[in-house]
């Protein structure tokens, strides 16, 4: 191991709400039963297969198990989502061998908050919601960098788990306390984590369109097992969270200079 790598000291701030949700959600997966059988055990065991990575959970089941957990997921979805995924991974590890680099995801059904496209306001950013729309365009599936491992080109320090916020994100500064590099980093593709993503555009359905109005549209980003599940012409429900992102087309092109367009 490089001496510089040994000298790295990283201070991590814990999200107590996120960690609490992780514990409660794992308890839910382990304990929730229907007819005296663990409801999600067989689904979690399926995730051990190489081609599987997404667990589908009924929001109504979470409500029955712990009302406060359900409310937190609904109101703080974007914040706690990574912790929910970790809970799925921890539970899956109890039932089989999992590659260290494999990521797990969770999707929800039976979400009570259903909105029209015109109701997607800034007040809804980060919450869990469901919308219905007509798919008008689908884009090809591409790999998205979700967690990068970088090497400092000045001192050779390895910097792991750099979260990517919808654009190519390098470390803000080298973690070696004796190195002040802020810009010269190289991505280690083999040690970084990627996920399939696909951009889909939907627009208001005729049933929701106010008289005399032009249909409004919104872009949806599908990940992991959700890619290729919607085709142009489909009328579909989409469950997720509303966010403001840069131009999605640039997410698969690390190392270039981009201009970004913020939108809902």
Foldseek 3Di string as FASTA:
>chain_A
DAPLQVQFDDDDDDDVVLLVLLVLLLCLQVPQDDPPHRPCPVVLLVCQDPQHAEAEEELVSVCVRPVVSSVCCQQQVQPNQVSSFVSSVVNSVVPDDHPPQGTHGYHYPPDPAEDEPVPPDPSQFRGKHKYKFAWADKDDKDKFFAFWWKAAPPRRHIDGGDGDQLAADDDCADSRPVGGDGPHIDTDVVRTHIWIKIKIKTWGDPVPDPPPDDIDMDIDIDIRPRPPPDDHGDTDMDIDGDDWHFDNVRRRPPPDDDDTDTDD
